Amino acid sequence: MNAMFQIIKDQFLNFKIIRRMAKYDDRATYQSHYLGLAWEFLNPLIQVGIYYLVFGVALRRGDPIPGVPYLPWMVLGIAPWLYMNKTTLDASRSVYQQVGLVSKMKFPVSVLPSIKIYGNLYSFWTMIAFGLVLTFASHIGLTILSLQFIYYFICMIALMFSLGIFNSTVSVLIRDWHITLQSILRMLFYISGVLFNFVTSNFPKTLVRLLELNPFYYVINGMRISLLSNGTILQNPSLTVFFWCFVVTMAILGSYLHNKFRADFVDLV
């Protein structure tokens, strides 16, 4: 537990470094491309277009929520998913990609996943803004319930931080873990309620309850009900408890492994 609090403290103490390196990392990634940073926003928009044509037009079976068109519903769900998917993968390889550089500089290795968490927020906010434009165009406005979005945003960052510390350490210890993680995320994409609402589908209730335990679904569904004013945090208190138990468990386990093997990272890489 002390290790977790120390790592969290390191994030706040080195926030300026995290922000500076995140901006540098974004520029370095797209510096050789003609459109530069525009690709950070074009890629998710292209994916949205493809998914809408397949699931919103070709396979459409009515609106996922009564009174809410499919396109804004999908975009408000795919925005957090694209962010969490990319950030989870980027954070998992952040240590073994940059540990050589960090070993020559005076700041903790534990901030490396946070650089990815911060850097990927630019495209996330763009997608959320796009989703809100579609929502307003569908004559759905924001209400006092929309303030819940702040809570679910905190949930998303906490989840990314706990998974980032854990995955970045395990990826150094087990090099196959990053590939395994890619396969896990491909599966989670279809069972996280990104493209269809399994709660209103003909799924058995037992299966629905099991799928709802997915922490990615908790964030995606939470942001949706907030911005669409379609529900409250208090609807499923058991899911809230499970989500935070998962986040804290992963943070404690990840912090323990990180502190235990931190001194050996350079040798392991």
C-alpha atoms as a PDB file:
ATOM      1  CA  MET A   1       0.000   0.000   0.000  1.00  0.00           C
ATOM      2  CA  ASN A   2       2.862   2.395   0.841  1.00  0.00           C
ATOM      3  CA  ALA A   3       4.429   1.633  -2.528  1.00  0.00           C
ATOM      4  CA  MET A   4       1.211   2.620  -4.283  1.00  0.00           C
ATOM      5  CA  PHE A   5       0.954   5.927  -2.424  1.00  0.00           C
ATOM      6  CA  GLN A   6       4.606   6.709  -3.186  1.00  0.00           C
ATOM      7  CA  ILE A   7       4.085   6.080  -6.909  1.00  0.00           C
ATOM      8  CA  ILE A   8       0.961   8.255  -6.921  1.00  0.00           C
ATOM      9  CA  LYS A   9       2.951  10.980  -5.163  1.00  0.00           C
ATOM     10  CA  ASP A  10       5.641  10.714  -7.852  1.00  0.00           C
ATOM     11  CA  GLN A  11       3.048  11.450 -10.525  1.00  0.00           C
ATOM     12  CA  PHE A  12       2.052  14.742  -8.898  1.00  0.00           C
ATOM     13  CA  LEU A  13       5.635  15.774  -8.148  1.00  0.00           C
ATOM     14  CA  ASN A  14       6.686  15.153 -11.754  1.00  0.00           C
ATOM     15  CA  PHE A  15       3.538  16.376 -13.507  1.00  0.00           C
ATOM     16  CA  LYS A  16       5.385  19.114 -15.423  1.00  0.00           C
ATOM     17  CA  ILE A  17       7.821  16.533 -16.778  1.00  0.00           C
ATOM     18  CA  ILE A  18       4.930  14.227 -17.724  1.00  0.00           C
ATOM     19  CA  ARG A  19       3.196  17.027 -19.622  1.00  0.00           C
ATOM     20  CA  ARG A  20       6.371  18.160 -21.380  1.00  0.00           C
ATOM     21  CA  MET A  21       7.392  14.643 -22.445  1.00  0.00           C
ATOM     22  CA  ALA A  22       3.846  13.825 -23.599  1.00  0.00           C
ATOM     23  CA  LYS A  23       3.873  16.819 -25.968  1.00  0.00           C
ATOM     24  CA  TYR A  24       7.335  15.890 -27.249  1.00  0.00           C
ATOM     25  CA  ASP A  25       6.275  12.268 -27.726  1.00  0.00           C
ATOM     26  CA  ASP A  26       3.261  13.300 -29.827  1.00  0.00           C
ATOM     27  CA  ARG A  27       5.363  15.518 -32.082  1.00  0.00           C
ATOM     28  CA  ALA A  28       8.042  12.844 -32.477  1.00  0.00           C
ATOM     29  CA  THR A  29       5.482  10.203 -33.470  1.00  0.00           C
ATOM     30  CA  TYR A  30       4.078  12.168 -36.413  1.00  0.00           C
ATOM     31  CA  GLN A  31       6.994  14.415 -37.361  1.00  0.00           C
ATOM     32  CA  SER A  32       7.712  12.527 -40.613  1.00  0.00           C
ATOM     33  CA  HIS A  33       4.061  12.590 -41.757  1.00  0.00           C
ATOM     34  CA  TYR A  34       2.667  15.298 -44.049  1.00  0.00           C
ATOM     35  CA  LEU A  35      -0.480  15.741 -41.943  1.00  0.00           C
ATOM     36  CA  GLY A  36       1.446  15.518 -38.653  1.00  0.00           C
ATOM     37  CA  LEU A  37      -0.678  15.513 -35.507  1.00  0.00           C
ATOM     38  CA  ALA A  38      -3.846  15.601 -37.607  1.00  0.00           C
ATOM     39  CA  TRP A  39      -3.539  11.803 -37.885  1.00  0.00           C
ATOM     40  CA  GLU A  40      -4.168  11.578 -34.153  1.00  0.00           C
ATOM     41  CA  PHE A  41      -7.695  12.800 -34.859  1.00  0.00           C
ATOM     42  CA  LEU A  42      -8.219  11.402 -38.367  1.00  0.00           C
ATOM     43  CA  ASN A  43      -7.551   7.785 -37.385  1.00  0.00           C
ATOM     44  CA  PRO A  44     -10.380   7.553 -34.826  1.00  0.00           C
ATOM     45  CA  LEU A  45     -12.772   9.421 -37.139  1.00  0.00           C
ATOM     46  CA  ILE A  46     -12.061   6.922 -39.932  1.00  0.00           C
ATOM     47  CA  GLN A  47     -12.740   4.038 -37.529  1.00  0.00           C
ATOM     48  CA  VAL A  48     -16.004   5.644 -36.437  1.00  0.00           C
ATOM     49  CA  GLY A  49     -17.094   5.919 -40.073  1.00  0.00           C
ATOM     50  CA  ILE A  50     -16.356   2.243 -40.737  1.00  0.00           C
ATOM     51  CA  TYR A  51     -18.092   0.987 -37.591  1.00  0.00           C
ATOM     52  CA  TYR A  52     -21.129   3.156 -38.291  1.00  0.00           C
ATOM     53  CA  LEU A  53     -21.504   1.805 -41.824  1.00  0.00           C
ATOM     54  CA  VAL A  54     -21.251  -1.799 -40.588  1.00  0.00           C
ATOM     55  CA  PHE A  55     -23.130  -1.705 -37.289  1.00  0.00           C
ATOM     56  CA  GLY A  56     -25.237   1.429 -37.668  1.00  0.00           C
ATOM     57  CA  VAL A  57     -26.396   0.935 -41.243  1.00  0.00           C
ATOM     58  CA  ALA A  58     -25.840  -2.625 -42.507  1.00  0.00           C
ATOM     59  CA  LEU A  59     -26.614  -4.467 -39.253  1.00  0.00           C
ATOM     60  CA  ARG A  60     -28.832  -1.916 -37.553  1.00  0.00           C
ATOM     61  CA  ARG A  61     -31.646  -3.350 -35.427  1.00  0.00           C
ATOM     62  CA  GLY A  62     -33.256  -0.243 -33.941  1.00  0.00           C
ATOM     63  CA  ASP A  63     -31.856   2.403 -31.611  1.00  0.00           C
ATOM     64  CA  PRO A  64     -29.738   1.099 -28.666  1.00  0.00           C
ATOM     65  CA  ILE A  65     -31.620   3.430 -26.292  1.00  0.00           C
ATOM     66  CA  PRO A  66     -35.168   4.670 -27.004  1.00  0.00           C
ATOM     67  CA  GLY A  67     -35.016   8.180 -28.410  1.00  0.00           C
ATOM     68  CA  VAL A  68     -31.235   8.180 -28.947  1.00  0.00           C
ATOM     69  CA  PRO A  69     -29.926   7.707 -32.533  1.00  0.00           C
ATOM     70  CA  TYR A  70     -27.214   5.113 -33.034  1.00  0.00           C
ATOM     71  CA  LEU A  71     -24.439   7.445 -34.279  1.00  0.00           C
ATOM     72  CA  PRO A  72     -24.122   9.776 -31.240  1.00  0.00           C
ATOM     73  CA  TRP A  73     -24.623   6.767 -28.932  1.00  0.00           C
ATOM     74  CA  MET A  74     -21.789   4.911 -30.658  1.00  0.00           C
ATOM     75  CA  VAL A  75     -19.395   7.874 -30.779  1.00  0.00           C
ATOM     76  CA  LEU A  76     -19.837   8.648 -27.064  1.00  0.00           C
ATOM     77  CA  GLY A  77     -18.936   5.028 -26.359  1.00  0.00           C
ATOM     78  CA  ILE A  78     -16.144   4.591 -28.852  1.00  0.00           C
ATOM     79  CA  ALA A  79     -14.367   7.766 -27.672  1.00  0.00           C
ATOM     80  CA  PRO A  80     -13.416   6.344 -24.239  1.00  0.00           C
ATOM     81  CA  TRP A  81     -12.801   2.908 -25.763  1.00  0.00           C
ATOM     82  CA  LEU A  82     -10.285   4.177 -28.348  1.00  0.00           C
ATOM     83  CA  TYR A  83      -8.546   6.156 -25.635  1.00  0.00           C
ATOM     84  CA  MET A  84      -8.412   3.253 -23.163  1.00  0.00           C
ATOM     85  CA  ASN A  85      -7.364   0.746 -25.816  1.00  0.00           C
ATOM     86  CA  LYS A  86      -4.502   2.897 -27.140  1.00  0.00           C
ATOM     87  CA  THR A  87      -3.401   4.043 -23.695  1.00  0.00           C
ATOM     88  CA  THR A  88      -3.381   0.520 -22.268  1.00  0.00           C
ATOM     89  CA  LEU A  89      -1.156  -0.724 -25.087  1.00  0.00           C
ATOM     90  CA  ASP A  90       1.099   2.356 -25.118  1.00  0.00           C
ATOM     91  CA  ALA A  91       1.535   2.310 -21.345  1.00  0.00           C
ATOM     92  CA  SER A  92       2.322  -1.412 -21.312  1.00  0.00           C
ATOM     93  CA  ARG A  93       5.406  -0.890 -23.482  1.00  0.00           C
ATOM     94  CA  SER A  94       6.398   2.506 -22.064  1.00  0.00           C
ATOM     95  CA  VAL A  95       9.024   1.159 -19.662  1.00  0.00           C
ATOM     96  CA  TYR A  96      10.925  -1.207 -21.962  1.00  0.00           C
ATOM     97  CA  GLN A  97      10.907   1.414 -24.740  1.00  0.00           C
ATOM     98  CA  GLN A  98      12.218   4.303 -22.640  1.00  0.00           C
ATOM     99  CA  VAL A  99      13.929   2.795 -19.599  1.00  0.00           C
ATOM    100  CA  GLY A 100      17.382   3.353 -21.142  1.00  0.00           C
ATOM    101  CA  LEU A 101      16.675   7.084 -21.449  1.00  0.00           C
ATOM    102  CA  VAL A 102      15.203   7.343 -17.967  1.00  0.00           C
ATOM    103  CA  SER A 103      18.202   5.594 -16.415  1.00  0.00           C
ATOM    104  CA  LYS A 104      20.304   8.592 -17.497  1.00  0.00           C
ATOM    105  CA  MET A 105      17.889  11.199 -16.124  1.00  0.00           C
ATOM    106  CA  LYS A 106      16.657  12.071 -12.646  1.00  0.00           C
ATOM    107  CA  PHE A 107      12.967  11.222 -12.538  1.00  0.00           C
ATOM    108  CA  PRO A 108      11.155   8.011 -11.529  1.00  0.00           C
ATOM    109  CA  VAL A 109      10.448   5.263 -14.030  1.00  0.00           C
ATOM    110  CA  SER A 110       6.877   5.095 -12.713  1.00  0.00           C
ATOM    111  CA  VAL A 111       5.942   8.284 -14.606  1.00  0.00           C
ATOM    112  CA  LEU A 112       6.460   6.649 -18.012  1.00  0.00           C
ATOM    113  CA  PRO A 113       2.936   5.136 -18.220  1.00  0.00           C
ATOM    114  CA  SER A 114       1.494   8.496 -17.125  1.00  0.00           C
ATOM    115  CA  ILE A 115       3.156  10.188 -20.111  1.00  0.00           C
ATOM    116  CA  LYS A 116       1.046   7.992 -22.390  1.00  0.00           C
ATOM    117  CA  ILE A 117      -2.064   8.559 -20.272  1.00  0.00           C
ATOM    118  CA  TYR A 118      -1.671  12.331 -20.585  1.00  0.00           C
ATOM    119  CA  GLY A 119      -0.540  12.398 -24.208  1.00  0.00           C
ATOM    120  CA  ASN A 120      -3.497  10.407 -25.545  1.00  0.00           C
ATOM    121  CA  LEU A 121      -6.051  12.760 -23.978  1.00  0.00           C
ATOM    122  CA  TYR A 122      -5.902  15.179 -26.919  1.00  0.00           C
ATOM    123  CA  SER A 123      -7.628  12.770 -29.307  1.00  0.00           C
ATOM    124  CA  PHE A 124     -10.034  11.693 -26.546  1.00  0.00           C
ATOM    125  CA  TRP A 125     -11.343  15.228 -26.038  1.00  0.00           C
ATOM    126  CA  THR A 126     -11.679  15.690 -29.790  1.00  0.00           C
ATOM    127  CA  MET A 127     -13.833  12.564 -30.048  1.00  0.00           C
ATOM    128  CA  ILE A 128     -15.965  13.591 -27.060  1.00  0.00           C
ATOM    129  CA  ALA A 129     -16.512  17.015 -28.653  1.00  0.00           C
ATOM    130  CA  PHE A 130     -17.512  15.302 -31.906  1.00  0.00           C
ATOM    131  CA  GLY A 131     -19.933  13.084 -29.990  1.00  0.00           C
ATOM    132  CA  LEU A 132     -21.501  16.090 -28.277  1.00  0.00           C
ATOM    133  CA  VAL A 133     -21.986  17.850 -31.616  1.00  0.00           C
ATOM    134  CA  LEU A 134     -23.862  14.774 -32.878  1.00  0.00           C
ATOM    135  CA  THR A 135     -25.846  14.672 -29.640  1.00  0.00           C
ATOM    136  CA  PHE A 136     -26.908  18.305 -29.938  1.00  0.00           C
ATOM    137  CA  ALA A 137     -27.756  17.741 -33.611  1.00  0.00           C
ATOM    138  CA  SER A 138     -30.095  14.965 -32.458  1.00  0.00           C
ATOM    139  CA  HIS A 139     -31.838  17.479 -30.152  1.00  0.00           C
ATOM    140  CA  ILE A 140     -30.428  15.893 -26.983  1.00  0.00           C
ATOM    141  CA  GLY A 141     -29.067  18.476 -24.559  1.00  0.00           C
ATOM    142  CA  LEU A 142     -26.919  18.316 -21.452  1.00  0.00           C
ATOM    143  CA  THR A 143     -28.540  18.328 -17.999  1.00  0.00           C
ATOM    144  CA  ILE A 144     -27.387  18.325 -14.396  1.00  0.00           C
ATOM    145  CA  LEU A 145     -26.812  14.573 -14.793  1.00  0.00           C
ATOM    146  CA  SER A 146     -24.076  15.352 -17.307  1.00  0.00           C
ATOM    147  CA  LEU A 147     -21.834  16.446 -14.420  1.00  0.00           C
ATOM    148  CA  GLN A 148     -21.419  12.742 -13.669  1.00  0.00           C
ATOM    149  CA  PHE A 149     -19.021  12.723 -16.624  1.00  0.00           C
ATOM    150  CA  ILE A 150     -16.377  14.249 -14.323  1.00  0.00           C
ATOM    151  CA  TYR A 151     -16.641  11.240 -12.005  1.00  0.00           C
ATOM    152  CA  TYR A 152     -16.370   8.741 -14.861  1.00  0.00           C
ATOM    153  CA  PHE A 153     -13.417  10.636 -16.317  1.00  0.00           C
ATOM    154  CA  ILE A 154     -11.647  10.218 -12.961  1.00  0.00           C
ATOM    155  CA  CYS A 155     -12.592   6.533 -13.076  1.00  0.00           C
ATOM    156  CA  MET A 156     -11.030   6.211 -16.531  1.00  0.00           C
ATOM    157  CA  ILE A 157      -7.767   7.885 -15.506  1.00  0.00           C
ATOM    158  CA  ALA A 158      -7.574   5.765 -12.331  1.00  0.00           C
ATOM    159  CA  LEU A 159      -8.143   2.592 -14.362  1.00  0.00           C
ATOM    160  CA  MET A 160      -5.493   3.559 -16.916  1.00  0.00           C
ATOM    161  CA  PHE A 161      -3.014   4.399 -14.161  1.00  0.00           C
ATOM    162  CA  SER A 162      -3.483   1.104 -12.297  1.00  0.00           C
ATOM    163  CA  LEU A 163      -3.306  -0.955 -15.500  1.00  0.00           C
ATOM    164  CA  GLY A 164      -0.381   1.128 -16.756  1.00  0.00           C
ATOM    165  CA  ILE A 165       1.772   0.444 -13.688  1.00  0.00           C
ATOM    166  CA  PHE A 166       0.893  -3.250 -13.746  1.00  0.00           C
ATOM    167  CA  ASN A 167       1.208  -3.889 -17.493  1.00  0.00           C
ATOM    168  CA  SER A 168       4.372  -1.826 -17.966  1.00  0.00           C
ATOM    169  CA  THR A 169       6.126  -3.894 -15.301  1.00  0.00           C
ATOM    170  CA  VAL A 170       4.833  -7.287 -16.455  1.00  0.00           C
ATOM    171  CA  SER A 171       5.768  -6.441 -20.071  1.00  0.00           C
ATOM    172  CA  VAL A 172       9.398  -6.071 -18.975  1.00  0.00           C
ATOM    173  CA  LEU A 173       9.329  -9.329 -17.030  1.00  0.00           C
ATOM    174  CA  ILE A 174       7.353 -11.290 -19.654  1.00  0.00           C
ATOM    175  CA  ARG A 175       7.919  -9.962 -23.165  1.00  0.00           C
ATOM    176  CA  ASP A 176       4.969 -11.930 -24.549  1.00  0.00           C
ATOM    177  CA  TRP A 177       2.599 -10.028 -22.272  1.00  0.00           C
ATOM    178  CA  HIS A 178       2.156  -7.102 -24.659  1.00  0.00           C
ATOM    179  CA  ILE A 179       1.018  -9.428 -27.457  1.00  0.00           C
ATOM    180  CA  THR A 180      -1.292 -11.222 -25.030  1.00  0.00           C
ATOM    181  CA  LEU A 181      -2.713  -7.868 -23.995  1.00  0.00           C
ATOM    182  CA  GLN A 182      -3.500  -7.017 -27.616  1.00  0.00           C
ATOM    183  CA  SER A 183      -5.553 -10.208 -27.920  1.00  0.00           C
ATOM    184  CA  ILE A 184      -7.380  -9.497 -24.660  1.00  0.00           C
ATOM    185  CA  LEU A 185      -8.291  -5.990 -25.820  1.00  0.00           C
ATOM    186  CA  ARG A 186      -9.597  -7.287 -29.158  1.00  0.00           C
ATOM    187  CA  MET A 187     -11.965  -9.529 -27.226  1.00  0.00           C
ATOM    188  CA  LEU A 188     -12.950  -6.757 -24.798  1.00  0.00           C
ATOM    189  CA  PHE A 189     -13.876  -4.508 -27.714  1.00  0.00           C
ATOM    190  CA  TYR A 190     -16.869  -6.702 -28.520  1.00  0.00           C
ATOM    191  CA  ILE A 191     -17.987  -7.347 -24.945  1.00  0.00           C
ATOM    192  CA  SER A 192     -17.636  -3.818 -23.574  1.00  0.00           C
ATOM    193  CA  GLY A 193     -20.829  -2.459 -25.124  1.00  0.00           C
ATOM    194  CA  VAL A 194     -18.980  -0.225 -27.587  1.00  0.00           C
ATOM    195  CA  LEU A 195     -20.992  -1.082 -30.694  1.00  0.00           C
ATOM    196  CA  PHE A 196     -24.191  -2.570 -29.311  1.00  0.00           C
ATOM    197  CA  ASN A 197     -26.165  -2.399 -26.092  1.00  0.00           C
ATOM    198  CA  PHE A 198     -26.116  -5.951 -24.730  1.00  0.00           C
ATOM    199  CA  VAL A 199     -28.309  -4.887 -21.791  1.00  0.00           C
ATOM    200  CA  THR A 200     -31.273  -4.332 -24.133  1.00  0.00           C
ATOM    201  CA  SER A 201     -30.408  -7.348 -26.297  1.00  0.00           C
ATOM    202  CA  ASN A 202     -31.723 -10.872 -25.876  1.00  0.00           C
ATOM    203  CA  PHE A 203     -28.749 -11.897 -23.751  1.00  0.00           C
ATOM    204  CA  PRO A 204     -29.466 -14.046 -20.651  1.00  0.00           C
ATOM    205  CA  LYS A 205     -29.581 -11.947 -17.486  1.00  0.00           C
ATOM    206  CA  THR A 206     -26.747 -13.950 -15.926  1.00  0.00           C
ATOM    207  CA  LEU A 207     -24.491 -13.219 -18.917  1.00  0.00           C
ATOM    208  CA  VAL A 208     -25.439  -9.527 -18.847  1.00  0.00           C
ATOM    209  CA  ARG A 209     -24.501  -9.272 -15.167  1.00  0.00           C
ATOM    210  CA  LEU A 210     -21.176 -10.939 -15.911  1.00  0.00           C
ATOM    211  CA  LEU A 211     -20.412  -8.601 -18.825  1.00  0.00           C
ATOM    212  CA  GLU A 212     -21.276  -5.573 -16.685  1.00  0.00           C
ATOM    213  CA  LEU A 213     -18.382  -6.436 -14.345  1.00  0.00           C
ATOM    214  CA  ASN A 214     -15.962  -5.439 -17.112  1.00  0.00           C
ATOM    215  CA  PRO A 215     -14.255  -2.218 -15.849  1.00  0.00           C
ATOM    216  CA  PHE A 216     -14.041  -0.904 -19.430  1.00  0.00           C
ATOM    217  CA  TYR A 217     -17.810  -1.247 -19.737  1.00  0.00           C
ATOM    218  CA  TYR A 218     -18.263   0.618 -16.450  1.00  0.00           C
ATOM    219  CA  VAL A 219     -16.429   3.662 -17.837  1.00  0.00           C
ATOM    220  CA  ILE A 220     -17.966   3.510 -21.334  1.00  0.00           C
ATOM    221  CA  ASN A 221     -21.524   3.077 -20.105  1.00  0.00           C
ATOM    222  CA  GLY A 222     -21.019   5.678 -17.383  1.00  0.00           C
ATOM    223  CA  MET A 223     -19.857   8.352 -19.806  1.00  0.00           C
ATOM    224  CA  ARG A 224     -22.772   7.549 -22.087  1.00  0.00           C
ATOM    225  CA  ILE A 225     -25.478   7.780 -19.438  1.00  0.00           C
ATOM    226  CA  SER A 226     -23.903  11.016 -18.209  1.00  0.00           C
ATOM    227  CA  LEU A 227     -23.750  12.852 -21.532  1.00  0.00           C
ATOM    228  CA  LEU A 228     -27.086  11.433 -22.696  1.00  0.00           C
ATOM    229  CA  SER A 229     -28.680  12.102 -19.274  1.00  0.00           C
ATOM    230  CA  ASN A 230     -29.939   8.530 -19.257  1.00  0.00           C
ATOM    231  CA  GLY A 231     -29.038   7.334 -15.756  1.00  0.00           C
ATOM    232  CA  THR A 232     -27.142   7.949 -12.518  1.00  0.00           C
ATOM    233  CA  ILE A 233     -24.151   6.531 -10.671  1.00  0.00           C
ATOM    234  CA  LEU A 234     -26.491   5.166  -7.997  1.00  0.00           C
ATOM    235  CA  GLN A 235     -28.218   2.804 -10.421  1.00  0.00           C
ATOM    236  CA  ASN A 236     -25.714  -0.016  -9.838  1.00  0.00           C
ATOM    237  CA  PRO A 237     -23.800   0.531  -6.580  1.00  0.00           C
ATOM    238  CA  SER A 238     -22.476  -3.040  -6.659  1.00  0.00           C
ATOM    239  CA  LEU A 239     -20.762  -2.367 -10.010  1.00  0.00           C
ATOM    240  CA  THR A 240     -19.192   0.789  -8.569  1.00  0.00           C
ATOM    241  CA  VAL A 241     -17.792  -1.153  -5.617  1.00  0.00           C
ATOM    242  CA  PHE A 242     -16.458  -3.887  -7.915  1.00  0.00           C
ATOM    243  CA  PHE A 243     -14.852  -1.343 -10.249  1.00  0.00           C
ATOM    244  CA  TRP A 244     -12.948   0.445  -7.492  1.00  0.00           C
ATOM    245  CA  CYS A 245     -11.912  -2.841  -5.872  1.00  0.00           C
ATOM    246  CA  PHE A 246     -10.453  -3.882  -9.240  1.00  0.00           C
ATOM    247  CA  VAL A 247      -8.636  -0.550  -9.719  1.00  0.00           C
ATOM    248  CA  VAL A 248      -7.149  -0.542  -6.206  1.00  0.00           C
ATOM    249  CA  THR A 249      -6.121  -4.204  -6.470  1.00  0.00           C
ATOM    250  CA  MET A 250      -4.339  -3.632  -9.781  1.00  0.00           C
ATOM    251  CA  ALA A 251      -2.679  -0.479  -8.444  1.00  0.00           C
ATOM    252  CA  ILE A 252      -1.388  -2.247  -5.330  1.00  0.00           C
ATOM    253  CA  LEU A 253      -0.184  -5.284  -7.289  1.00  0.00           C
ATOM    254  CA  GLY A 254       1.377  -3.152 -10.016  1.00  0.00           C
ATOM    255  CA  SER A 255       3.106  -0.881  -7.482  1.00  0.00           C
ATOM    256  CA  TYR A 256       4.493  -3.879  -5.610  1.00  0.00           C
ATOM    257  CA  LEU A 257       5.913  -5.467  -8.777  1.00  0.00           C
ATOM    258  CA  HIS A 258       7.234  -2.128 -10.014  1.00  0.00           C
ATOM    259  CA  ASN A 259       9.138  -1.419  -6.796  1.00  0.00           C
ATOM    260  CA  LYS A 260      10.427  -4.977  -6.552  1.00  0.00           C
ATOM    261  CA  PHE A 261      11.922  -5.103 -10.055  1.00  0.00           C
ATOM    262  CA  ARG A 262      12.586  -1.407 -10.745  1.00  0.00           C
ATOM    263  CA  ALA A 263      16.310  -1.699 -10.042  1.00  0.00           C
ATOM    264  CA  ASP A 264      16.581  -4.549 -12.578  1.00  0.00           C
ATOM    265  CA  PHE A 265      14.669  -2.912 -15.439  1.00  0.00           C
ATOM    266  CA  VAL A 266      17.769  -1.885 -17.395  1.00  0.00           C
ATOM    267  CA  ASP A 267      19.245  -5.390 -17.153  1.00  0.00           C
ATOM    268  CA  LEU A 268      15.937  -7.070 -18.029  1.00  0.00           C
ATOM    269  CA  VAL A 269      15.446  -4.887 -21.082  1.00  0.00           C
END
